[in-house]
Amino acid sequence: DRYTREQIARFDRMSGRLAAALPYPVLRHTANSAAIERFPEAQFDMCRLGVGTLRFRLRA
Protein backbone atom coordinates (compact mmCIF):
# COMPACT_ATOMS: atom_id res chain seq x y z
CA ASP A 1 0.00 0.00 0.00
CA ARG A 2 2.84 2.41 0.75
CA TYR A 3 4.36 1.76 -2.69
CA THR A 4 0.99 2.30 -4.37
CA ARG A 5 0.49 5.59 -2.55
CA GLU A 6 3.98 6.65 -3.63
CA GLN A 7 3.09 5.87 -7.24
CA ILE A 8 -0.14 7.87 -6.94
CA ALA A 9 1.79 10.85 -5.55
CA ARG A 10 4.33 10.65 -8.38
CA PHE A 11 1.57 10.48 -10.96
CA ASP A 12 -0.13 13.47 -9.35
CA ARG A 13 3.04 15.57 -9.48
CA MET A 14 4.02 14.55 -13.01
CA SER A 15 0.57 14.84 -14.54
CA GLY A 16 0.01 18.14 -12.74
CA ARG A 17 3.12 19.59 -14.37
CA LEU A 18 2.07 18.28 -17.76
CA ALA A 19 -1.47 19.63 -17.36
CA ALA A 20 -0.10 23.05 -16.38
CA ALA A 21 2.00 23.15 -19.56
CA LEU A 22 -0.81 22.22 -21.94
CA PRO A 23 -3.14 24.85 -23.41
CA TYR A 24 -6.22 22.67 -22.89
CA PRO A 25 -7.75 20.82 -19.91
CA VAL A 26 -6.85 17.19 -19.34
CA LEU A 27 -8.63 14.40 -17.48
CA ARG A 28 -6.53 12.30 -15.14
CA HIS A 29 -7.38 8.88 -13.79
CA THR A 30 -5.56 5.87 -12.43
CA ALA A 31 -8.23 4.10 -10.41
CA ASN A 32 -9.67 0.79 -11.53
CA SER A 33 -12.44 -1.07 -9.69
CA ALA A 34 -10.22 -2.19 -6.80
CA ALA A 35 -8.64 1.23 -6.36
CA ILE A 36 -12.05 2.89 -6.08
CA GLU A 37 -12.40 1.21 -2.70
CA ARG A 38 -8.77 1.00 -1.59
CA PHE A 39 -7.25 4.23 -2.92
CA PRO A 40 -9.89 6.93 -3.37
CA GLU A 41 -7.13 9.52 -3.82
CA ALA A 42 -6.28 7.80 -7.14
CA GLN A 43 -9.61 8.67 -8.72
CA PHE A 44 -8.60 12.20 -9.76
CA ASP A 45 -11.11 13.26 -12.45
CA MET A 46 -12.67 9.85 -13.15
CA CYS A 47 -12.29 6.10 -12.56
CA ARG A 48 -12.42 2.92 -14.63
CA LEU A 49 -15.15 0.75 -13.24
CA GLY A 50 -14.60 -2.67 -14.79
CA VAL A 51 -15.38 -5.80 -12.76
CA GLY A 52 -17.02 -3.48 -10.23
CA THR A 53 -19.98 -3.18 -12.60
CA LEU A 54 -20.70 -6.83 -11.80
CA ARG A 55 -21.06 -5.93 -8.11
CA PHE A 56 -18.05 -7.90 -6.96
CA ARG A 57 -16.54 -6.54 -3.78
CA LEU A 58 -12.80 -6.50 -4.25
CA ARG A 59 -10.67 -7.23 -1.21
CA ALA A 60 -6.94 -6.85 -0.64
C-alpha atoms as a PDB file:
ATOM      1  CA  ASP A   1       0.000   0.000   0.000  1.00  0.00           C
ATOM      2  CA  ARG A   2       2.838   2.408   0.746  1.00  0.00           C
ATOM      3  CA  TYR A   3       4.357   1.759  -2.692  1.00  0.00           C
ATOM      4  CA  THR A   4       0.986   2.299  -4.370  1.00  0.00           C
ATOM      5  CA  ARG A   5       0.491   5.589  -2.545  1.00  0.00           C
ATOM      6  CA  GLU A   6       3.980   6.650  -3.629  1.00  0.00           C
ATOM      7  CA  GLN A   7       3.095   5.869  -7.242  1.00  0.00           C
ATOM      8  CA  ILE A   8      -0.135   7.870  -6.940  1.00  0.00           C
ATOM      9  CA  ALA A   9       1.785  10.854  -5.549  1.00  0.00           C
ATOM     10  CA  ARG A  10       4.326  10.651  -8.385  1.00  0.00           C
ATOM     11  CA  PHE A  11       1.567  10.477 -10.957  1.00  0.00           C
ATOM     12  CA  ASP A  12      -0.130  13.472  -9.352  1.00  0.00           C
ATOM     13  CA  ARG A  13       3.045  15.573  -9.483  1.00  0.00           C
ATOM     14  CA  MET A  14       4.020  14.552 -13.015  1.00  0.00           C
ATOM     15  CA  SER A  15       0.575  14.835 -14.542  1.00  0.00           C
ATOM     16  CA  GLY A  16       0.008  18.142 -12.740  1.00  0.00           C
ATOM     17  CA  ARG A  17       3.123  19.592 -14.374  1.00  0.00           C
ATOM     18  CA  LEU A  18       2.066  18.282 -17.758  1.00  0.00           C
ATOM     19  CA  ALA A  19      -1.471  19.627 -17.364  1.00  0.00           C
ATOM     20  CA  ALA A  20      -0.098  23.048 -16.377  1.00  0.00           C
ATOM     21  CA  ALA A  21       1.999  23.148 -19.558  1.00  0.00           C
ATOM     22  CA  LEU A  22      -0.813  22.218 -21.935  1.00  0.00           C
ATOM     23  CA  PRO A  23      -3.139  24.846 -23.414  1.00  0.00           C
ATOM     24  CA  TYR A  24      -6.222  22.667 -22.889  1.00  0.00           C
ATOM     25  CA  PRO A  25      -7.745  20.825 -19.914  1.00  0.00           C
ATOM     26  CA  VAL A  26      -6.854  17.188 -19.338  1.00  0.00           C
ATOM     27  CA  LEU A  27      -8.635  14.402 -17.480  1.00  0.00           C
ATOM     28  CA  ARG A  28      -6.527  12.305 -15.144  1.00  0.00           C
ATOM     29  CA  HIS A  29      -7.384   8.878 -13.790  1.00  0.00           C
ATOM     30  CA  THR A  30      -5.558   5.871 -12.432  1.00  0.00           C
ATOM     31  CA  ALA A  31      -8.230   4.102 -10.406  1.00  0.00           C
ATOM     32  CA  ASN A  32      -9.670   0.786 -11.532  1.00  0.00           C
ATOM     33  CA  SER A  33     -12.440  -1.066  -9.686  1.00  0.00           C
ATOM     34  CA  ALA A  34     -10.223  -2.192  -6.804  1.00  0.00           C
ATOM     35  CA  ALA A  35      -8.642   1.235  -6.363  1.00  0.00           C
ATOM     36  CA  ILE A  36     -12.046   2.886  -6.083  1.00  0.00           C
ATOM     37  CA  GLU A  37     -12.398   1.210  -2.698  1.00  0.00           C
ATOM     38  CA  ARG A  38      -8.771   0.999  -1.593  1.00  0.00           C
ATOM     39  CA  PHE A  39      -7.245   4.225  -2.920  1.00  0.00           C
ATOM     40  CA  PRO A  40      -9.888   6.927  -3.368  1.00  0.00           C
ATOM     41  CA  GLU A  41      -7.130   9.519  -3.817  1.00  0.00           C
ATOM     42  CA  ALA A  42      -6.276   7.800  -7.139  1.00  0.00           C
ATOM     43  CA  GLN A  43      -9.609   8.668  -8.718  1.00  0.00           C
ATOM     44  CA  PHE A  44      -8.600  12.197  -9.757  1.00  0.00           C
ATOM     45  CA  ASP A  45     -11.108  13.259 -12.446  1.00  0.00           C
ATOM     46  CA  MET A  46     -12.669   9.854 -13.152  1.00  0.00           C
ATOM     47  CA  CYS A  47     -12.285   6.095 -12.561  1.00  0.00           C
ATOM     48  CA  ARG A  48     -12.421   2.924 -14.632  1.00  0.00           C
ATOM     49  CA  LEU A  49     -15.155   0.747 -13.240  1.00  0.00           C
ATOM     50  CA  GLY A  50     -14.597  -2.675 -14.787  1.00  0.00           C
ATOM     51  CA  VAL A  51     -15.381  -5.801 -12.762  1.00  0.00           C
ATOM     52  CA  GLY A  52     -17.023  -3.475 -10.235  1.00  0.00           C
ATOM     53  CA  THR A  53     -19.976  -3.182 -12.596  1.00  0.00           C
ATOM     54  CA  LEU A  54     -20.705  -6.829 -11.804  1.00  0.00           C
ATOM     55  CA  ARG A  55     -21.056  -5.930  -8.113  1.00  0.00           C
ATOM     56  CA  PHE A  56     -18.049  -7.898  -6.959  1.00  0.00           C
ATOM     57  CA  ARG A  57     -16.542  -6.535  -3.778  1.00  0.00           C
ATOM     58  CA  LEU A  58     -12.801  -6.501  -4.247  1.00  0.00           C
ATOM     59  CA  ARG A  59     -10.667  -7.233  -1.213  1.00  0.00           C
ATOM     60  CA  ALA A  60      -6.938  -6.846  -0.644  1.00  0.00           C
END
